[in-house]
Amino acid sequence: MGRALWGSEAVYAPGWPADMPVIDAITPDGSFDDVTAALSSVGLGSVPASAATLFGSFQR
């Protein structure tokens, strides 16, 4: 919707490396704790209960 309203230049679209974990891509030279704290601060710090229930059966 943003692209339709303001054009493609107005929308932030970061490029993520295909061969690097997201945590490493966020801050390649930063600490693991800083990245997980940043992700947690925006609600990405834990697996939702529904996903844990669904994927829990795949644990060995």
N, C-alpha and C. Protein backbone atom coordinates (compact mmCIF):
# COMPACT_ATOMS: atom_id res chain seq x y z
N MET A 1 0.83 -1.17 0.00
CA MET A 1 0.00 0.00 0.00
C MET A 1 0.89 1.25 0.00
N GLY A 2 1.98 1.18 0.75
CA GLY A 2 2.88 2.32 0.79
C GLY A 2 3.47 2.64 -0.57
N ARG A 3 3.84 1.59 -1.29
CA ARG A 3 4.39 1.80 -2.64
C ARG A 3 3.36 2.43 -3.56
N ALA A 4 2.10 2.03 -3.43
CA ALA A 4 1.05 2.59 -4.27
C ALA A 4 0.83 4.07 -3.96
N LEU A 5 0.97 4.44 -2.71
CA LEU A 5 0.73 5.83 -2.32
C LEU A 5 1.93 6.74 -2.58
N TRP A 6 3.14 6.27 -2.23
CA TRP A 6 4.31 7.15 -2.26
C TRP A 6 5.41 6.71 -3.21
N GLY A 7 5.25 5.58 -3.87
CA GLY A 7 6.29 5.09 -4.77
C GLY A 7 7.27 4.18 -4.05
N SER A 8 8.02 3.42 -4.82
CA SER A 8 8.91 2.42 -4.24
C SER A 8 10.07 3.02 -3.45
N GLU A 9 10.45 4.24 -3.75
CA GLU A 9 11.58 4.86 -3.04
C GLU A 9 11.23 5.22 -1.59
N ALA A 10 9.96 5.36 -1.28
CA ALA A 10 9.54 5.78 0.06
C ALA A 10 9.40 4.61 1.02
N VAL A 11 9.49 3.38 0.53
CA VAL A 11 9.29 2.21 1.37
C VAL A 11 10.65 1.59 1.69
N TYR A 12 10.91 1.39 2.99
CA TYR A 12 12.16 0.78 3.43
C TYR A 12 12.11 -0.72 3.12
N ALA A 13 13.05 -1.19 2.37
CA ALA A 13 13.11 -2.61 2.01
C ALA A 13 14.56 -3.09 2.13
N PRO A 14 14.96 -3.50 3.34
CA PRO A 14 16.34 -3.93 3.53
C PRO A 14 16.63 -5.22 2.77
N GLY A 15 17.86 -5.39 2.38
CA GLY A 15 18.28 -6.63 1.75
C GLY A 15 18.89 -7.55 2.79
N TRP A 16 18.37 -8.75 2.91
CA TRP A 16 18.89 -9.71 3.88
C TRP A 16 19.75 -10.72 3.15
N PRO A 17 20.94 -10.99 3.65
CA PRO A 17 21.80 -11.99 3.01
C PRO A 17 21.17 -13.38 3.11
N ALA A 18 21.17 -14.11 2.02
CA ALA A 18 20.57 -15.44 2.00
C ALA A 18 21.41 -16.48 2.74
N ASP A 19 22.69 -16.20 2.92
CA ASP A 19 23.57 -17.18 3.54
C ASP A 19 23.96 -16.84 4.97
N MET A 20 23.17 -16.00 5.63
CA MET A 20 23.51 -15.55 6.98
C MET A 20 22.26 -15.60 7.87
N PRO A 21 22.38 -16.09 9.10
CA PRO A 21 21.25 -16.07 10.02
C PRO A 21 20.80 -14.62 10.28
N VAL A 22 19.52 -14.45 10.55
CA VAL A 22 18.96 -13.12 10.79
C VAL A 22 19.70 -12.40 11.91
N ILE A 23 20.02 -13.12 12.97
CA ILE A 23 20.70 -12.49 14.11
C ILE A 23 22.05 -11.93 13.69
N ASP A 24 22.78 -12.64 12.85
CA ASP A 24 24.07 -12.14 12.38
C ASP A 24 23.90 -11.00 11.38
N ALA A 25 22.84 -11.03 10.60
CA ALA A 25 22.61 -9.99 9.60
C ALA A 25 22.20 -8.66 10.24
N ILE A 26 21.53 -8.71 11.38
CA ILE A 26 21.07 -7.48 12.03
C ILE A 26 22.25 -6.63 12.47
N THR A 27 23.21 -7.24 13.11
CA THR A 27 24.40 -6.52 13.54
C THR A 27 25.60 -7.45 13.48
N PRO A 28 26.25 -7.53 12.33
CA PRO A 28 27.35 -8.47 12.14
C PRO A 28 28.47 -8.35 13.17
N ASP A 29 28.74 -7.14 13.64
CA ASP A 29 29.83 -6.94 14.60
C ASP A 29 29.33 -6.73 16.02
N GLY A 30 28.02 -6.85 16.23
CA GLY A 30 27.45 -6.64 17.56
C GLY A 30 27.38 -7.92 18.36
N SER A 31 26.92 -7.79 19.58
CA SER A 31 26.82 -8.96 20.45
C SER A 31 25.47 -9.64 20.27
N PHE A 32 25.46 -10.93 20.53
CA PHE A 32 24.24 -11.73 20.46
C PHE A 32 23.19 -11.17 21.42
N ASP A 33 23.61 -10.78 22.61
CA ASP A 33 22.69 -10.25 23.62
C ASP A 33 22.02 -8.97 23.16
N ASP A 34 22.75 -8.09 22.46
CA ASP A 34 22.15 -6.84 21.96
C ASP A 34 21.08 -7.13 20.92
N VAL A 35 21.35 -8.09 20.05
CA VAL A 35 20.38 -8.42 19.00
C VAL A 35 19.13 -9.04 19.60
N THR A 36 19.31 -10.01 20.50
CA THR A 36 18.13 -10.64 21.09
C THR A 36 17.34 -9.66 21.94
N ALA A 37 17.99 -8.71 22.58
CA ALA A 37 17.28 -7.68 23.34
C ALA A 37 16.46 -6.79 22.40
N ALA A 38 17.04 -6.43 21.26
CA ALA A 38 16.32 -5.60 20.30
C ALA A 38 15.11 -6.34 19.74
N LEU A 39 15.28 -7.62 19.39
CA LEU A 39 14.16 -8.40 18.87
C LEU A 39 13.08 -8.58 19.94
N SER A 40 13.50 -8.81 21.15
CA SER A 40 12.55 -8.98 22.25
C SER A 40 11.76 -7.71 22.52
N SER A 41 12.40 -6.56 22.35
CA SER A 41 11.73 -5.29 22.64
C SER A 41 10.58 -5.00 21.67
N VAL A 42 10.57 -5.67 20.52
CA VAL A 42 9.48 -5.48 19.56
C VAL A 42 8.58 -6.71 19.48
N GLY A 43 8.65 -7.57 20.49
CA GLY A 43 7.75 -8.70 20.57
C GLY A 43 8.23 -9.97 19.89
N LEU A 44 9.50 -10.03 19.53
CA LEU A 44 10.02 -11.22 18.87
C LEU A 44 10.97 -11.99 19.77
N GLY A 45 10.66 -12.01 21.05
CA GLY A 45 11.56 -12.64 22.00
C GLY A 45 11.20 -14.05 22.39
N SER A 46 10.03 -14.53 21.97
CA SER A 46 9.65 -15.89 22.34
C SER A 46 8.77 -16.49 21.25
N VAL A 47 8.72 -17.79 21.25
CA VAL A 47 7.88 -18.50 20.28
C VAL A 47 6.45 -18.48 20.80
N PRO A 48 5.48 -18.11 19.97
CA PRO A 48 4.08 -18.15 20.42
C PRO A 48 3.69 -19.56 20.85
N ALA A 49 2.78 -19.64 21.80
CA ALA A 49 2.37 -20.94 22.34
C ALA A 49 1.83 -21.86 21.25
N SER A 50 1.11 -21.31 20.29
CA SER A 50 0.56 -22.15 19.23
C SER A 50 1.66 -22.79 18.40
N ALA A 51 2.72 -22.04 18.10
CA ALA A 51 3.84 -22.59 17.33
C ALA A 51 4.61 -23.61 18.16
N ALA A 52 4.78 -23.33 19.43
CA ALA A 52 5.49 -24.27 20.30
C ALA A 52 4.73 -25.58 20.39
N THR A 53 3.42 -25.52 20.45
CA THR A 53 2.61 -26.73 20.50
C THR A 53 2.70 -27.49 19.19
N LEU A 54 2.62 -26.76 18.08
CA LEU A 54 2.66 -27.39 16.77
C LEU A 54 4.01 -28.03 16.49
N PHE A 55 5.09 -27.30 16.74
CA PHE A 55 6.41 -27.79 16.41
C PHE A 55 7.07 -28.58 17.53
N GLY A 56 6.49 -28.57 18.70
CA GLY A 56 7.07 -29.30 19.82
C GLY A 56 7.18 -30.80 19.56
N SER A 57 6.29 -31.33 18.73
CA SER A 57 6.31 -32.75 18.44
C SER A 57 7.50 -33.16 17.58
N PHE A 58 8.20 -32.17 16.98
CA PHE A 58 9.33 -32.48 16.14
C PHE A 58 10.66 -32.53 16.90
N GLN A 59 10.62 -32.20 18.18
CA GLN A 59 11.84 -32.23 18.97
C GLN A 59 12.25 -33.68 19.22
N ARG A 60 13.55 -33.91 19.29
CA ARG A 60 14.05 -35.28 19.54
C ARG A 60 14.34 -35.50 20.98
